[in-house]
Each structure stands twice: as structure tokens, then as C-alpha cells.
C-alpha atoms as a PDB file:
ATOM      1  CA  MET A   1       0.038   0.021   0.014  1.00  0.00           C
ATOM      2  CA  THR A   2       2.860   2.385   0.850  1.00  0.00           C
ATOM      3  CA  ILE A   3       4.612   1.619  -2.418  1.00  0.00           C
ATOM      4  CA  ILE A   4       1.432   2.471  -4.406  1.00  0.00           C
ATOM      5  CA  TYR A   5       1.023   5.662  -2.412  1.00  0.00           C
ATOM      6  CA  LEU A   6       4.628   6.694  -3.014  1.00  0.00           C
ATOM      7  CA  PHE A   7       4.393   5.839  -6.749  1.00  0.00           C
ATOM      8  CA  LEU A   8       1.249   7.969  -7.134  1.00  0.00           C
ATOM      9  CA  LEU A   9       2.883  10.835  -5.207  1.00  0.00           C
ATOM     10  CA  ALA A  10       5.921  10.680  -7.520  1.00  0.00           C
ATOM     11  CA  GLN A  11       3.642  10.562 -10.553  1.00  0.00           C
ATOM     12  CA  VAL A  12       1.813  13.669  -9.414  1.00  0.00           C
ATOM     13  CA  ILE A  13       5.033  15.559  -8.840  1.00  0.00           C
ATOM     14  CA  HIS A  14       6.295  14.421 -12.276  1.00  0.00           C
ATOM     15  CA  ASP A  15       3.106  15.563 -13.998  1.00  0.00           C
ATOM     16  CA  ILE A  16       3.149  18.962 -12.229  1.00  0.00           C
ATOM     17  CA  PHE A  17       6.741  19.409 -13.285  1.00  0.00           C
ATOM     18  CA  GLU A  18       5.818  18.518 -16.926  1.00  0.00           C
ATOM     19  CA  ILE A  19       2.938  21.006 -16.887  1.00  0.00           C
ATOM     20  CA  ILE A  20       5.169  23.789 -15.573  1.00  0.00           C
ATOM     21  CA  MET A  21       8.105  23.093 -17.960  1.00  0.00           C
ATOM     22  CA  HIS A  22       6.314  22.151 -21.176  1.00  0.00           C
ATOM     23  CA  GLY A  23       2.804  23.506 -20.754  1.00  0.00           C
ATOM     24  CA  ARG A  24       0.967  20.288 -21.581  1.00  0.00           C
ATOM     25  CA  PRO A  25      -2.587  20.971 -20.386  1.00  0.00           C
ATOM     26  CA  GLY A  26      -3.619  17.345 -21.031  1.00  0.00           C
ATOM     27  CA  LEU A  27      -1.717  16.304 -17.958  1.00  0.00           C
ATOM     28  CA  MET A  28      -3.863  18.455 -15.692  1.00  0.00           C
ATOM     29  CA  PHE A  29      -6.711  15.941 -15.690  1.00  0.00           C
ATOM     30  CA  THR A  30      -4.436  13.010 -14.882  1.00  0.00           C
ATOM     31  CA  THR A  31      -2.820  15.029 -12.100  1.00  0.00           C
ATOM     32  CA  PHE A  32      -6.248  15.792 -10.615  1.00  0.00           C
ATOM     33  CA  PHE A  33      -7.149  12.087 -10.935  1.00  0.00           C
ATOM     34  CA  TYR A  34      -3.934  11.032  -9.179  1.00  0.00           C
ATOM     35  CA  ALA A  35      -4.512  13.650  -6.431  1.00  0.00           C
ATOM     36  CA  LEU A  36      -7.998  12.298  -5.898  1.00  0.00           C
ATOM     37  CA  ILE A  37      -6.688   8.787  -5.522  1.00  0.00           C
ATOM     38  CA  LEU A  38      -3.967   9.966  -3.099  1.00  0.00           C
ATOM     39  CA  ASP A  39      -6.501  11.792  -0.996  1.00  0.00           C
ATOM     40  CA  SER A  40      -8.849   8.807  -0.875  1.00  0.00           C
ATOM     41  CA  MET A  41      -5.993   6.496   0.168  1.00  0.00           C
ATOM     42  CA  LYS A  42      -4.897   9.002   2.859  1.00  0.00           C
ATOM     43  CA  SER A  43      -8.441   9.154   4.187  1.00  0.00           C
ATOM     44  CA  CYS A  44      -8.785   5.342   4.216  1.00  0.00           C
ATOM     45  CA  ILE A  45      -5.538   4.928   6.110  1.00  0.00           C
ATOM     46  CA  THR A  46      -6.370   7.660   8.575  1.00  0.00           C
ATOM     47  CA  LEU A  47      -9.897   6.352   9.273  1.00  0.00           C
ATOM     48  CA  SER A  48      -8.587   2.800   9.661  1.00  0.00           C
ATOM     49  CA  LEU A  49      -6.021   3.973  12.213  1.00  0.00           C
ATOM     50  CA  VAL A  50      -8.682   5.939  14.143  1.00  0.00           C
ATOM     51  CA  TYR A  51     -10.939   2.832  14.159  1.00  0.00           C
ATOM     52  CA  CYS A  52      -8.130   0.552  15.330  1.00  0.00           C
ATOM     53  CA  ILE A  53      -6.896   2.920  18.054  1.00  0.00           C
ATOM     54  CA  VAL A  54     -10.090   4.391  19.396  1.00  0.00           C
ATOM     55  CA  VAL A  55     -12.767   1.727  18.843  1.00  0.00           C
ATOM     56  CA  ARG A  56     -10.879  -1.537  19.076  1.00  0.00           C
ATOM     57  CA  ARG A  57      -8.232  -0.621  21.631  1.00  0.00           C
ATOM     58  CA  PHE A  58      -9.987   1.712  24.095  1.00  0.00           C
ATOM     59  CA  MET A  59     -13.660   0.890  23.283  1.00  0.00           C
ATOM     60  CA  HIS A  60     -14.684   4.441  24.142  1.00  0.00           C
ATOM     61  CA  LEU A  61     -17.566   4.456  21.696  1.00  0.00           C
ATOM     62  CA  ASP A  62     -19.041   1.219  22.976  1.00  0.00           C
ATOM     63  CA  THR A  63     -18.903   1.870  26.725  1.00  0.00           C
ATOM     64  CA  ASN A  64     -19.780   5.557  26.817  1.00  0.00           C
ATOM     65  CA  GLU A  65     -22.587   5.372  24.371  1.00  0.00           C
ATOM     66  CA  ASN A  66     -25.305   4.948  27.068  1.00  0.00           C
ATOM     67  CA  GLU A  67     -24.239   8.112  28.846  1.00  0.00           C
ATOM     68  CA  TYR A  68     -25.151  10.298  25.887  1.00  0.00           C
ATOM     69  CA  THR A  69     -28.392   8.688  24.762  1.00  0.00           C
ATOM     70  CA  ASP A  70     -31.684   9.898  26.227  1.00  0.00           C
ATOM     71  CA  PRO A  71     -34.188   7.114  26.702  1.00  0.00           C
ATOM     72  CA  ASN A  72     -37.129   9.558  26.521  1.00  0.00           C
ATOM     73  CA  ALA A  73     -35.968  10.966  23.202  1.00  0.00           C
ATOM     74  CA  GLU A  74     -37.458   7.990  21.335  1.00  0.00           C
ATOM     75  CA  LYS A  75     -40.906   8.487  22.818  1.00  0.00           C
ATOM     76  CA  ILE A  76     -43.156  10.710  20.742  1.00  0.00           C
ATOM     77  CA  PRO A  77     -45.838  12.558  22.687  1.00  0.00           C
ATOM     78  CA  LYS A  78     -49.345  12.154  21.301  1.00  0.00           C
END
């Protein structure tokens, strides 16, 4: 996964350099596409780490959930 991320990062840097030096506007769309992929991969990695650290290790979401829910909130007055 890291190798793919580094490859895409190098490809984006290369495409930006080509656009600056040679003015090839066709590379702008591929650069945007690679940037979108990089951002999605970064988000998946970050959210996976948050899930592993917070939810699986400390279980804060599971044990503290009852403190914040109001049992009367589900009842609708008639």
C-alpha cells in the first residue's frame, strides 16, 4: 500500500513538473485524478487507524454510548 502511495505521489510531482516546464494541459486531468486517488488513500488509512486505536483498543464508543443517549428521546408525545 505504501509503495502504491509513493508511486502515485511521484507521478503527481512528475506531472506537475511537466505541466510547468512544457505547458501540456492534457496532464492536468491526470494530475487531478492522481490527487483524488492519493486523497482517498490517505483518508482510508487515517480512518482505519482511528478505528483501530479508538474503537478496538480503548472501546470508548461502545462503553460511553449509554451516557449520551436519552431514553425519553425515542418516545413521541401524542
